[in-house]
Amino acid sequence: MGDTPAPVQATPIHVAFNIPSAERGPDAATNHPTKSSTSPTEGAGRSHAGDVDTGFLQIYGPENQLEAEQQELVANLELRNPASDPRQQELQQSFSETYFEYCYPWCPVLDPDTLDSELGRSPMLANALALAASHIQPPLIPHQGPAAYYEKARMMFYMDEEPDILTSLKAVSLFYWWAPRSPSTAHRHASWWWTSVIIRHAQQMNIHREPKQESVASSALHLSLRRRLWWTVFARERLTSLCQSKPCIINPEDMTIQEVQQSDFPSDPASQKKGRIFKYWVRLAGIMGKVSKALSKSVDSSPETATFPTELRQELVGWVQSLPPDLQLPIGSSRTEGFDRDVHQLHLPYLTTIIVMHLQRTTPDLPQALPPAILAASCIARILRDILSRGNARFLMAITCWYSGTAFIALLQASRIKQFSQEAEEGLDILDQAVGQLQQMWASANVIRQGFERLRALPRSMMHAGKGRAAGSNGSGDAPSNNFDWKLLFPFVTRSTSRIADCLLADDEFGTTATALPSPENAVFHEDLLNRYHDLLEPFVDYNFDFSNINLDIL
């Protein structure tokens, strides 16, 4: 979307903590999780705890520990705890319910058993929760609104008014549900910025490393929080890297932290399912990070030698086929009977990654959407149709703008194909309606909506049938179709799913897909559409695509 924001040069953020009561032993936290979380964990924010000693940390360890203790004490004495707005306090229960209903599967950093006490301690966390919840589901009674909540929480962060750094990072993680500007320019309100802030603080605190057993003085709840917080920002960073074509910040080789376990989530069935969704979302994000790195390398490769790593397609297949039954996308028929909001959202980044991986990049021209990209785009439209038909889209995150914009590229091409035209146009209408809803929430949707209008206004008279170019001698033009069974990416799709699915799967069965897709060669078509695609894609990706390798008639 936008450029990477520059590092903060403003008020330094001190790593400081309250000091817990000396009477409370480490076992008390494990046995009484609600009580334990009312005080921060001693020493958890110290920057050298768990660091690899490069030659001096142990030597100066006593001095470093004394300095950390003094900073913690000063922060505790300077704690400012202004009273919250009484109306906001009255709304905290509904805000909490909204968070656990809509945000928890993607940001499980708050615990239901301890949240009330944490909100009572931390005005910053209370305002951050109010920001996210009131933006997703605005109360119908007077309240300050997400912009005011965000501004208060943001200033508390920059002014070091929250002494518990873990609480501070939990609050910042909720800023993900507020994006007052699109990331077309660098600024300190973007998700890329706030995610980077959390990552750097977490790395300084060694949250990315699993603590050594002999050094663990924290409760099981505290260790669980570390995992849930770290993997939340890891997943966001990977998704944003692919979405905005930015370099990945986190090096997996530096991480020793364990993957989240089901024991890291409350034991009730609903929370356990949300925990599974989070775990598989993080795994998918890891694959997307690899895709992002592969694409960034391909920019510097010649079209003749650039190929997409087949193993990444196999990783996607492994991911989708490893999903437990209750997390599988229920679109095997034309009607969705087992709608699950979180499961539908889980598949949006998966399908978008398929599209990105199946847009040919053989010349600096236009994207050629291969069959997997067209089918994935039609599935995204189906997911969004299911959501829109149920009357509420405010829970969709800002990155849904990217999912919609990417799907639009493939469906626009499909709309020029006779056998796909009607359903592709219906899908484009759904994407347009979804982005219209997203405009009420996210500034990025304005960019996408304007691009949609320009692209769909392109006269059909400019799109004449043309003779397609043959792929290069190395076969890179359609190597994915020749060397990889792309149907494995869609175990949830049948020929009953949609007309596009019926056509593509039938064509693949008879080996005719490669000759059934269009190849617009008209020079005016290419020049004009290239400009329009650039307008649409520029905020999101830096890659140039081509979709002119295959012969077909165009409407």
Protein backbone atom coordinates (compact mmCIF):
# COMPACT_ATOMS: atom_id res chain seq x y z
CA MET A 1 0.00 0.00 0.00
CA GLY A 2 2.34 2.78 1.10
CA ASP A 3 6.02 3.26 1.73
CA THR A 4 7.61 1.98 4.90
CA PRO A 5 7.33 4.65 7.57
CA ALA A 6 10.53 6.19 8.85
CA PRO A 7 11.71 5.29 12.36
CA VAL A 8 10.34 7.35 15.22
CA GLN A 9 12.55 10.22 16.33
CA ALA A 10 10.10 11.56 18.88
CA THR A 11 9.75 10.91 22.59
CA PRO A 12 11.71 7.77 23.55
CA ILE A 13 9.69 4.89 24.92
CA HIS A 14 11.10 3.70 28.24
CA VAL A 15 10.84 0.01 29.06
CA ALA A 16 9.38 0.05 32.54
CA PHE A 17 7.20 -2.06 34.76
CA ASN A 18 5.30 -2.01 37.98
CA ILE A 19 6.84 -4.19 40.65
CA PRO A 20 4.59 -7.00 41.86
CA SER A 21 4.01 -7.79 45.48
CA ALA A 22 6.90 -9.68 47.08
CA GLU A 23 4.47 -11.98 48.88
CA ARG A 24 3.20 -13.51 45.65
CA GLY A 25 5.23 -16.52 44.58
CA PRO A 26 5.43 -17.83 41.03
CA ASP A 27 2.98 -20.63 41.77
CA ALA A 28 0.28 -18.22 42.86
CA ALA A 29 -0.04 -16.89 39.35
CA THR A 30 -0.56 -20.33 37.91
CA ASN A 31 -3.19 -21.31 40.45
CA HIS A 32 -5.05 -17.99 40.38
CA PRO A 33 -4.73 -16.48 36.89
CA THR A 34 -7.24 -13.72 37.52
CA LYS A 35 -5.42 -12.46 40.56
CA SER A 36 -1.93 -12.79 39.08
CA SER A 37 -2.55 -10.56 36.14
CA THR A 38 -3.48 -7.58 38.28
CA SER A 39 0.24 -6.84 38.53
CA PRO A 40 2.84 -6.99 35.77
CA THR A 41 5.38 -9.77 35.86
CA GLU A 42 8.60 -8.68 37.51
CA GLY A 43 11.45 -8.10 35.11
CA ALA A 44 9.55 -9.15 32.00
CA GLY A 45 10.42 -5.93 30.19
CA ARG A 46 14.14 -6.00 30.80
CA SER A 47 15.94 -5.72 27.50
CA HIS A 48 18.76 -8.19 28.24
CA ALA A 49 16.70 -10.99 29.79
CA GLY A 50 17.47 -14.07 27.70
CA ASP A 51 19.83 -12.32 25.29
CA VAL A 52 22.72 -14.24 23.78
CA ASP A 53 25.83 -13.02 25.61
CA THR A 54 28.31 -11.64 23.08
CA GLY A 55 30.99 -11.06 25.70
CA PHE A 56 29.91 -8.43 28.20
CA LEU A 57 26.35 -9.02 29.40
CA GLN A 58 27.34 -11.36 32.21
CA ILE A 59 30.22 -9.13 33.29
CA TYR A 60 27.97 -6.11 33.68
CA GLY A 61 24.94 -8.12 34.71
CA PRO A 62 24.62 -6.78 38.29
CA GLU A 63 24.77 -3.17 37.14
CA ASN A 64 22.27 -3.79 34.38
CA GLN A 65 19.87 -5.50 36.78
CA LEU A 66 20.13 -2.64 39.28
CA GLU A 67 19.41 -0.08 36.55
CA ALA A 68 16.37 -2.06 35.39
CA GLU A 69 15.01 -2.28 38.94
CA GLN A 70 15.44 1.46 39.43
CA GLN A 71 13.62 2.22 36.18
CA GLU A 72 10.78 -0.07 37.21
CA LEU A 73 10.51 1.62 40.59
CA VAL A 74 10.46 5.11 39.07
CA ALA A 75 7.79 4.08 36.59
CA ASN A 76 5.70 2.64 39.40
CA LEU A 77 5.96 5.84 41.43
CA GLU A 78 5.13 8.02 38.44
CA LEU A 79 2.11 5.95 37.41
CA ARG A 80 -0.64 8.21 36.21
CA ASN A 81 -4.08 6.67 36.29
CA PRO A 82 -6.63 9.28 35.28
CA ALA A 83 -10.23 8.35 35.71
CA SER A 84 -11.93 7.09 32.57
CA ASP A 85 -15.05 8.64 31.14
CA PRO A 86 -17.95 7.19 33.17
CA ARG A 87 -19.87 6.46 29.97
CA GLN A 88 -16.86 4.56 28.64
CA GLN A 89 -16.74 2.50 31.82
CA GLU A 90 -20.41 1.65 31.37
CA LEU A 91 -19.67 0.45 27.84
CA GLN A 92 -16.66 -1.69 28.75
CA GLN A 93 -18.70 -4.87 28.98
CA SER A 94 -20.12 -4.44 25.49
CA PHE A 95 -16.68 -3.45 24.19
CA SER A 96 -15.24 -6.64 25.67
CA GLU A 97 -17.98 -8.74 24.09
CA THR A 98 -17.31 -7.17 20.70
CA TYR A 99 -13.59 -7.87 21.01
CA PHE A 100 -14.02 -11.53 21.87
CA GLU A 101 -16.65 -11.97 19.17
CA TYR A 102 -14.84 -10.32 16.26
CA CYS A 103 -11.18 -9.62 17.11
CA TYR A 104 -10.02 -12.51 19.26
CA PRO A 105 -9.30 -15.04 16.46
CA TRP A 106 -6.84 -12.57 14.88
CA CYS A 107 -5.52 -10.85 18.00
CA PRO A 108 -5.89 -13.13 21.06
CA VAL A 109 -3.91 -10.90 23.42
CA LEU A 110 -6.62 -10.32 26.05
CA ASP A 111 -7.84 -12.93 28.51
CA PRO A 112 -11.50 -13.07 29.59
CA ASP A 113 -10.64 -14.02 33.18
CA THR A 114 -8.31 -11.07 33.72
CA LEU A 115 -9.62 -8.38 31.41
CA ASP A 116 -11.75 -6.48 33.93
CA SER A 117 -8.87 -6.02 36.34
CA GLU A 118 -6.52 -5.03 33.51
CA LEU A 119 -8.95 -2.41 32.25
CA GLY A 120 -9.27 -1.03 35.75
CA ARG A 121 -5.49 -0.67 35.96
CA SER A 122 -4.77 0.63 32.49
CA PRO A 123 -6.54 3.60 30.88
CA MET A 124 -4.43 3.01 27.78
CA LEU A 125 -5.75 -0.52 27.37
CA ALA A 126 -9.30 0.64 28.13
CA ASN A 127 -9.11 3.27 25.39
CA ALA A 128 -7.53 0.86 22.91
CA LEU A 129 -10.28 -1.68 23.52
CA ALA A 130 -12.91 1.04 23.14
CA LEU A 131 -11.28 2.11 19.87
CA ALA A 132 -11.41 -1.33 18.28
CA ALA A 133 -14.85 -2.29 19.57
CA SER A 134 -16.59 1.01 18.82
CA HIS A 135 -15.22 0.99 15.27
CA ILE A 136 -16.44 -2.54 14.60
CA GLN A 137 -19.79 -2.25 16.36
CA PRO A 138 -20.61 1.35 17.33
CA PRO A 139 -22.87 1.65 20.38
CA LEU A 140 -26.21 3.28 19.74
CA ILE A 141 -25.84 5.46 22.82
CA PRO A 142 -23.54 8.49 23.16
CA HIS A 143 -19.83 7.67 23.23
CA GLN A 144 -16.63 9.44 22.26
CA GLY A 145 -15.97 7.37 19.15
CA PRO A 146 -12.94 5.48 17.85
CA ALA A 147 -10.98 8.56 16.74
CA ALA A 148 -11.05 10.03 20.26
CA TYR A 149 -10.26 6.70 21.90
CA TYR A 150 -7.34 6.18 19.51
CA GLU A 151 -5.90 9.63 20.12
CA LYS A 152 -6.01 9.17 23.88
CA ALA A 153 -4.44 5.71 23.79
CA ARG A 154 -1.79 6.82 21.28
CA MET A 155 -0.73 9.79 23.40
CA MET A 156 -0.59 7.59 26.51
CA PHE A 157 1.79 5.33 24.62
CA TYR A 158 4.08 8.10 23.45
CA MET A 159 4.03 9.79 26.87
CA ASP A 160 4.94 6.55 28.69
CA GLU A 161 1.80 6.70 30.80
CA GLU A 162 1.46 2.91 30.83
CA PRO A 163 4.33 1.47 32.92
CA ASP A 164 3.56 -2.17 32.11
CA ILE A 165 5.15 -2.72 28.72
CA LEU A 166 3.19 -5.92 28.00
CA THR A 167 -0.06 -4.11 28.68
CA SER A 168 1.16 -1.30 26.45
CA LEU A 169 1.91 -3.71 23.60
CA LYS A 170 -1.47 -5.39 23.99
CA ALA A 171 -3.10 -1.99 23.68
CA VAL A 172 -1.05 -1.09 20.60
CA SER A 173 -2.04 -4.39 18.98
CA LEU A 174 -5.65 -3.16 19.06
CA PHE A 175 -4.70 -0.10 16.99
CA TYR A 176 -4.92 -2.51 14.04
CA TRP A 177 -8.63 -1.70 13.91
CA TRP A 178 -8.05 1.98 13.20
CA ALA A 179 -6.58 3.32 9.96
CA PRO A 180 -7.47 7.01 9.49
CA ARG A 181 -5.31 7.26 6.35
CA SER A 182 -4.41 4.94 3.53
CA PRO A 183 -0.77 3.80 3.47
CA SER A 184 -0.12 5.56 0.16
CA THR A 185 2.30 7.77 2.12
CA ALA A 186 4.44 7.01 5.15
CA HIS A 187 2.86 7.98 8.44
CA ARG A 188 2.72 6.88 12.06
CA HIS A 189 -0.86 5.65 12.03
CA ALA A 190 -0.48 2.73 9.61
CA SER A 191 -0.64 -0.91 10.63
CA TRP A 192 2.87 -1.37 9.20
CA TRP A 193 4.14 1.25 11.64
CA TRP A 194 2.39 -0.07 14.73
CA THR A 195 3.24 -3.68 13.92
CA SER A 196 6.89 -2.67 13.61
CA VAL A 197 6.70 -0.89 16.97
CA ILE A 198 5.41 -4.04 18.68
CA ILE A 199 7.99 -6.24 16.97
CA ARG A 200 10.95 -4.10 18.05
CA HIS A 201 9.73 -3.84 21.64
CA ALA A 202 9.02 -7.58 21.73
CA GLN A 203 12.46 -8.39 20.33
CA GLN A 204 14.09 -6.15 22.92
CA MET A 205 12.19 -8.09 25.58
CA ASN A 206 13.14 -11.41 23.92
CA ILE A 207 9.52 -12.40 23.50
CA HIS A 208 10.56 -14.06 20.22
CA ARG A 209 12.60 -16.56 22.25
CA GLU A 210 11.20 -19.29 24.46
CA PRO A 211 12.47 -18.68 28.01
CA LYS A 212 14.81 -21.25 29.47
CA GLN A 213 13.00 -23.38 32.01
CA GLU A 214 15.40 -22.57 34.83
CA SER A 215 14.96 -18.83 34.25
CA VAL A 216 11.18 -18.86 34.12
CA ALA A 217 9.69 -17.02 37.08
CA SER A 218 6.48 -16.18 35.29
CA SER A 219 3.07 -17.73 35.37
CA ALA A 220 1.78 -20.05 32.69
CA LEU A 221 -0.63 -17.27 31.73
CA HIS A 222 2.27 -14.88 31.18
CA LEU A 223 4.15 -17.33 28.94
CA SER A 224 0.96 -18.00 26.99
CA LEU A 225 0.49 -14.27 26.48
CA ARG A 226 4.02 -13.94 25.12
CA ARG A 227 3.28 -16.58 22.49
CA ARG A 228 -0.08 -15.15 21.52
CA LEU A 229 1.28 -11.60 21.26
CA TRP A 230 4.34 -12.59 19.25
CA TRP A 231 2.50 -14.75 16.75
CA THR A 232 -0.13 -12.05 16.30
CA VAL A 233 2.44 -9.52 15.13
CA PHE A 234 4.34 -12.17 13.16
CA ALA A 235 1.22 -12.98 11.15
CA ARG A 236 0.38 -9.32 10.58
CA GLU A 237 3.92 -8.55 9.47
CA ARG A 238 3.91 -11.42 6.96
CA LEU A 239 0.50 -10.47 5.53
CA THR A 240 1.40 -6.80 5.29
CA SER A 241 4.71 -7.65 3.65
CA LEU A 242 2.93 -9.40 0.79
CA CYS A 243 0.09 -6.87 0.67
CA GLN A 244 2.31 -3.78 0.58
CA SER A 245 5.39 -5.40 -1.03
CA LYS A 246 7.59 -4.50 1.91
CA PRO A 247 10.56 -6.49 3.22
CA CYS A 248 9.88 -8.88 6.07
CA ILE A 249 11.17 -7.56 9.39
CA ILE A 250 11.31 -10.80 11.37
CA ASN A 251 13.98 -13.40 10.65
CA PRO A 252 12.53 -16.82 11.57
CA GLU A 253 16.05 -18.07 12.30
CA ASP A 254 16.13 -15.73 15.31
CA MET A 255 12.98 -17.24 16.82
CA THR A 256 12.84 -20.08 19.31
CA ILE A 257 9.39 -19.31 20.70
CA GLN A 258 6.94 -22.20 20.56
CA GLU A 259 3.88 -22.25 18.36
CA VAL A 260 0.65 -21.52 20.19
CA GLN A 261 -1.03 -24.54 21.71
CA GLN A 262 -4.69 -25.17 22.43
CA SER A 263 -3.82 -24.84 26.12
CA ASP A 264 -3.00 -21.18 25.45
CA PHE A 265 -6.72 -20.49 24.96
CA PRO A 266 -9.73 -20.79 27.30
CA SER A 267 -11.18 -24.27 27.52
CA ASP A 268 -14.71 -23.50 26.30
CA PRO A 269 -15.48 -24.84 22.79
CA ALA A 270 -15.93 -21.42 21.18
CA SER A 271 -12.55 -20.15 22.41
CA GLN A 272 -10.86 -23.40 21.44
CA LYS A 273 -12.14 -23.05 17.88
CA LYS A 274 -10.98 -19.44 17.71
CA GLY A 275 -7.60 -20.66 18.94
CA ARG A 276 -7.40 -23.20 16.12
CA ILE A 277 -8.28 -20.52 13.60
CA PHE A 278 -5.51 -18.32 14.98
CA LYS A 279 -2.97 -21.15 14.79
CA TYR A 280 -3.77 -21.95 11.16
CA TRP A 281 -3.87 -18.26 10.27
CA VAL A 282 -0.33 -17.86 11.64
CA ARG A 283 0.85 -20.89 9.66
CA LEU A 284 -0.66 -19.45 6.49
CA ALA A 285 0.98 -16.10 7.17
CA GLY A 286 4.34 -17.86 7.37
CA ILE A 287 3.84 -19.21 3.86
CA MET A 288 2.74 -15.79 2.64
CA GLY A 289 5.98 -14.34 3.97
CA LYS A 290 7.91 -16.82 1.85
CA VAL A 291 5.82 -15.83 -1.17
CA SER A 292 6.62 -12.18 -0.50
CA LYS A 293 10.34 -12.92 -0.39
CA ALA A 294 10.16 -14.94 -3.60
CA LEU A 295 8.35 -12.11 -5.37
CA SER A 296 10.85 -9.52 -4.17
CA LYS A 297 13.67 -11.61 -5.61
CA SER A 298 11.83 -12.13 -8.90
CA VAL A 299 11.75 -8.36 -9.51
CA ASP A 300 15.50 -8.47 -10.18
CA SER A 301 15.30 -11.59 -12.36
CA SER A 302 14.93 -11.63 -16.12
CA PRO A 303 11.58 -12.82 -17.50
CA GLU A 304 13.34 -15.75 -19.15
CA THR A 305 14.73 -17.10 -15.88
CA ALA A 306 12.09 -16.04 -13.36
CA THR A 307 10.04 -18.96 -12.09
CA PHE A 308 7.94 -19.33 -8.99
CA PRO A 309 9.14 -21.91 -6.44
CA THR A 310 6.95 -24.98 -6.78
CA GLU A 311 7.54 -25.89 -3.15
CA LEU A 312 5.53 -22.85 -2.07
CA ARG A 313 2.51 -24.14 -3.97
CA GLN A 314 3.02 -27.46 -2.23
CA GLU A 315 3.13 -25.67 1.13
CA LEU A 316 -0.21 -24.05 0.34
CA VAL A 317 -1.64 -27.44 -0.57
CA GLY A 318 -0.29 -28.86 2.68
CA TRP A 319 -1.88 -26.02 4.63
CA VAL A 320 -5.36 -26.25 3.13
CA GLN A 321 -5.44 -30.04 3.29
CA SER A 322 -4.35 -30.02 6.94
CA LEU A 323 -7.34 -27.96 8.06
CA PRO A 324 -9.60 -29.81 10.51
CA PRO A 325 -13.15 -30.38 9.26
CA ASP A 326 -14.65 -27.47 11.20
CA LEU A 327 -12.21 -25.01 9.59
CA GLN A 328 -12.79 -26.08 5.98
CA LEU A 329 -14.55 -23.62 3.69
CA PRO A 330 -18.14 -24.86 3.18
CA ILE A 331 -18.71 -23.81 -0.43
CA GLY A 332 -18.94 -27.20 -2.11
CA SER A 333 -22.44 -26.35 -3.34
CA SER A 334 -24.09 -23.24 -4.71
CA ARG A 335 -25.59 -22.39 -1.31
CA THR A 336 -23.55 -21.90 1.88
CA GLU A 337 -25.39 -23.67 4.68
CA GLY A 338 -22.62 -23.86 7.29
CA PHE A 339 -21.58 -20.22 7.29
CA ASP A 340 -18.87 -19.38 9.82
CA ARG A 341 -17.63 -15.79 9.79
CA ASP A 342 -14.15 -16.66 11.04
CA VAL A 343 -13.65 -19.62 8.71
CA HIS A 344 -14.68 -17.47 5.76
CA GLN A 345 -12.20 -14.78 6.78
CA LEU A 346 -9.44 -17.35 7.28
CA HIS A 347 -9.66 -18.31 3.61
CA LEU A 348 -9.48 -14.78 2.21
CA PRO A 349 -5.68 -14.46 2.54
CA TYR A 350 -5.27 -18.04 1.30
CA LEU A 351 -7.22 -17.39 -1.88
CA THR A 352 -5.52 -14.03 -2.43
CA THR A 353 -2.13 -15.73 -2.22
CA ILE A 354 -3.23 -18.18 -4.90
CA ILE A 355 -4.13 -15.26 -7.16
CA VAL A 356 -0.80 -13.53 -6.56
CA MET A 357 1.08 -16.76 -7.31
CA HIS A 358 -0.83 -17.33 -10.55
CA LEU A 359 -0.51 -13.94 -12.20
CA GLN A 360 2.14 -14.41 -14.86
CA ARG A 361 5.17 -12.14 -14.77
CA THR A 362 6.82 -12.74 -18.14
CA THR A 363 6.93 -9.16 -19.44
CA PRO A 364 6.43 -5.74 -17.83
CA ASP A 365 2.88 -5.56 -19.11
CA LEU A 366 -0.47 -6.70 -17.72
CA PRO A 367 -1.32 -9.61 -15.45
CA GLN A 368 -2.34 -12.84 -17.11
CA ALA A 369 -4.63 -14.58 -14.67
CA LEU A 370 -4.16 -18.32 -14.94
CA PRO A 371 -7.07 -20.66 -14.13
CA PRO A 372 -6.23 -20.98 -10.40
CA ALA A 373 -6.29 -17.19 -10.07
CA ILE A 374 -9.70 -16.91 -11.72
CA LEU A 375 -11.17 -19.68 -9.59
CA ALA A 376 -9.68 -18.20 -6.40
CA ALA A 377 -11.10 -14.78 -7.28
CA SER A 378 -14.55 -16.26 -7.80
CA CYS A 379 -14.27 -17.92 -4.37
CA ILE A 380 -13.37 -14.57 -2.77
CA ALA A 381 -16.47 -13.06 -4.36
CA ARG A 382 -18.49 -15.98 -2.98
CA ILE A 383 -17.12 -15.42 0.54
CA LEU A 384 -17.90 -11.71 0.42
CA ARG A 385 -21.37 -12.42 -0.95
CA ASP A 386 -22.02 -14.75 2.00
CA ILE A 387 -20.90 -12.00 4.38
CA LEU A 388 -22.86 -9.20 2.72
CA SER A 389 -26.03 -11.28 2.58
CA ARG A 390 -25.94 -11.57 6.37
CA GLY A 391 -26.12 -7.82 6.84
CA ASN A 392 -22.85 -6.89 8.56
CA ALA A 393 -19.40 -6.31 7.10
CA ARG A 394 -17.93 -3.94 9.70
CA PHE A 395 -15.84 -6.72 11.22
CA LEU A 396 -13.80 -7.06 8.01
CA MET A 397 -10.25 -5.90 8.57
CA ALA A 398 -8.53 -3.24 6.47
CA ILE A 399 -6.50 -5.81 4.56
CA THR A 400 -9.78 -6.99 3.01
CA CYS A 401 -9.35 -4.03 0.66
CA TRP A 402 -6.30 -5.79 -0.76
CA TYR A 403 -8.09 -9.12 -1.01
CA SER A 404 -10.88 -7.43 -2.97
CA GLY A 405 -8.55 -5.46 -5.21
CA THR A 406 -6.52 -8.55 -6.08
CA ALA A 407 -9.62 -10.62 -6.84
CA PHE A 408 -10.90 -7.82 -9.06
CA ILE A 409 -7.90 -8.21 -11.39
CA ALA A 410 -8.64 -11.85 -12.15
CA LEU A 411 -12.42 -11.43 -12.38
CA LEU A 412 -12.08 -8.48 -14.73
CA GLN A 413 -10.20 -10.71 -17.13
CA ALA A 414 -12.74 -13.49 -16.62
CA SER A 415 -15.56 -11.08 -17.47
CA ARG A 416 -14.13 -10.81 -21.00
CA ILE A 417 -14.45 -14.57 -21.50
CA LYS A 418 -17.75 -15.73 -22.93
CA GLN A 419 -18.20 -18.77 -20.71
CA PHE A 420 -17.29 -16.83 -17.55
CA SER A 421 -18.78 -13.45 -18.35
CA GLN A 422 -22.08 -13.48 -16.45
CA GLU A 423 -20.76 -14.88 -13.18
CA ALA A 424 -17.59 -12.80 -13.36
CA GLU A 425 -19.67 -9.64 -13.73
CA GLU A 426 -21.76 -10.70 -10.75
CA GLY A 427 -18.55 -11.26 -8.81
CA LEU A 428 -17.28 -7.81 -9.76
CA ASP A 429 -20.55 -6.37 -8.49
CA ILE A 430 -20.05 -8.17 -5.16
CA LEU A 431 -16.49 -6.88 -4.87
CA ASP A 432 -17.73 -3.38 -5.60
CA GLN A 433 -20.45 -3.65 -2.96
CA ALA A 434 -18.00 -5.06 -0.42
CA VAL A 435 -15.53 -2.24 -0.99
CA GLY A 436 -18.42 0.19 -0.65
CA GLN A 437 -18.99 -1.20 2.84
CA LEU A 438 -15.27 -1.08 3.59
CA GLN A 439 -15.25 2.61 2.71
CA GLN A 440 -17.22 3.21 5.89
CA MET A 441 -14.30 1.80 7.87
CA TRP A 442 -11.02 2.09 5.99
CA ALA A 443 -9.39 4.87 3.98
CA SER A 444 -7.69 2.34 1.67
CA ALA A 445 -11.09 1.35 0.31
CA ASN A 446 -11.42 4.76 -1.35
CA VAL A 447 -8.37 4.01 -3.52
CA ILE A 448 -9.73 0.61 -4.50
CA ARG A 449 -13.26 1.86 -5.22
CA GLN A 450 -11.97 4.57 -7.55
CA GLY A 451 -9.83 2.02 -9.35
CA PHE A 452 -12.82 -0.28 -9.77
CA GLU A 453 -14.83 2.49 -11.39
CA ARG A 454 -12.10 3.35 -13.89
CA LEU A 455 -11.36 -0.25 -14.80
CA ARG A 456 -14.97 -1.28 -15.31
CA ALA A 457 -15.59 1.79 -17.46
CA LEU A 458 -13.08 0.54 -20.03
CA PRO A 459 -15.03 0.19 -23.32
CA ARG A 460 -15.48 -3.36 -24.52
CA SER A 461 -14.92 -2.10 -28.06
CA MET A 462 -11.24 -1.75 -27.17
CA MET A 463 -10.98 -5.46 -26.46
CA HIS A 464 -10.58 -7.28 -29.73
CA ALA A 465 -9.60 -10.88 -30.09
CA GLY A 466 -5.95 -11.22 -30.89
CA LYS A 467 -3.38 -13.83 -31.57
CA GLY A 468 -1.68 -14.89 -28.37
CA ARG A 469 2.06 -15.02 -27.91
CA ALA A 470 3.66 -18.36 -27.33
CA ALA A 471 5.32 -18.96 -24.02
CA GLY A 472 9.09 -18.80 -23.81
CA SER A 473 11.13 -21.80 -24.78
CA ASN A 474 11.74 -22.58 -21.14
CA GLY A 475 8.02 -23.00 -20.61
CA SER A 476 7.89 -20.43 -17.84
CA GLY A 477 4.74 -18.92 -19.30
CA ASP A 478 2.53 -21.78 -18.17
CA ALA A 479 4.87 -23.89 -16.09
CA PRO A 480 2.51 -23.88 -13.10
CA SER A 481 -0.22 -25.57 -15.16
CA ASN A 482 2.17 -28.15 -16.65
CA ASN A 483 4.08 -29.11 -13.53
CA PHE A 484 1.55 -28.69 -10.75
CA ASP A 485 -1.96 -30.04 -10.24
CA TRP A 486 -3.59 -26.76 -9.25
CA LYS A 487 -6.87 -28.46 -8.35
CA LEU A 488 -5.18 -29.59 -5.13
CA LEU A 489 -5.39 -25.98 -3.97
CA PHE A 490 -9.20 -26.17 -3.98
CA PRO A 491 -10.34 -29.24 -2.00
CA PHE A 492 -13.44 -27.26 -0.94
CA VAL A 493 -14.55 -26.55 -4.53
CA THR A 494 -16.70 -28.80 -6.69
CA ARG A 495 -18.31 -28.28 -10.06
CA SER A 496 -21.46 -27.38 -8.10
CA THR A 497 -19.76 -24.45 -6.39
CA SER A 498 -20.24 -22.03 -9.29
CA ARG A 499 -20.42 -21.80 -13.06
CA ILE A 500 -16.79 -20.70 -13.21
CA ALA A 501 -15.77 -23.70 -11.11
CA ASP A 502 -17.85 -26.00 -13.29
CA CYS A 503 -16.23 -24.67 -16.44
CA LEU A 504 -12.64 -24.66 -15.16
CA LEU A 505 -12.81 -28.07 -13.53
CA ALA A 506 -14.49 -29.56 -16.59
CA ASP A 507 -11.93 -27.96 -18.89
CA ASP A 508 -9.12 -29.29 -16.74
CA GLU A 509 -10.57 -32.78 -16.81
CA PHE A 510 -10.50 -32.70 -20.62
CA GLY A 511 -7.21 -30.79 -20.86
CA THR A 512 -8.71 -27.75 -22.61
CA THR A 513 -8.12 -24.98 -20.05
CA ALA A 514 -4.90 -23.79 -21.65
CA THR A 515 -6.74 -22.96 -24.86
CA ALA A 516 -9.83 -21.50 -23.23
CA LEU A 517 -8.49 -18.28 -21.73
CA PRO A 518 -8.21 -14.93 -23.50
CA SER A 519 -5.08 -13.19 -24.64
CA PRO A 520 -5.79 -9.51 -25.34
CA GLU A 521 -3.12 -8.35 -27.77
CA ASN A 522 -4.60 -5.10 -29.00
CA ALA A 523 -1.95 -2.40 -28.44
CA VAL A 524 -4.44 0.25 -27.31
CA PHE A 525 -5.99 -2.24 -24.92
CA HIS A 526 -2.61 -2.94 -23.35
CA GLU A 527 -1.53 0.68 -23.02
CA ASP A 528 -4.82 1.91 -21.59
CA LEU A 529 -5.41 -1.00 -19.23
CA LEU A 530 -1.81 -0.88 -18.01
CA ASN A 531 -2.35 2.68 -16.83
CA ARG A 532 -5.55 1.70 -15.06
CA TYR A 533 -4.02 -1.34 -13.41
CA HIS A 534 -1.12 0.81 -12.26
CA ASP A 535 -3.55 3.21 -10.60
CA LEU A 536 -5.24 0.31 -8.86
CA LEU A 537 -2.16 -1.65 -7.84
CA GLU A 538 0.35 1.07 -7.02
CA PRO A 539 -0.61 1.40 -3.35
CA PHE A 540 -0.31 -2.35 -2.89
CA VAL A 541 2.41 -3.95 -5.02
CA ASP A 542 5.56 -3.01 -6.84
CA TYR A 543 5.45 -5.90 -9.29
CA ASN A 544 4.62 -5.76 -12.99
CA PHE A 545 2.53 -8.51 -14.52
CA ASP A 546 1.66 -9.86 -17.94
CA PHE A 547 -1.45 -11.71 -19.07
CA SER A 548 -1.02 -12.12 -22.81
CA ASN A 549 0.29 -15.64 -23.33
CA ILE A 550 -2.83 -17.64 -24.15
CA ASN A 551 -5.19 -17.68 -27.12
CA LEU A 552 -8.90 -16.97 -26.67
CA ASP A 553 -11.83 -15.07 -28.05
CA ILE A 554 -12.83 -11.94 -26.17
CA LEU A 555 -16.30 -10.54 -25.78
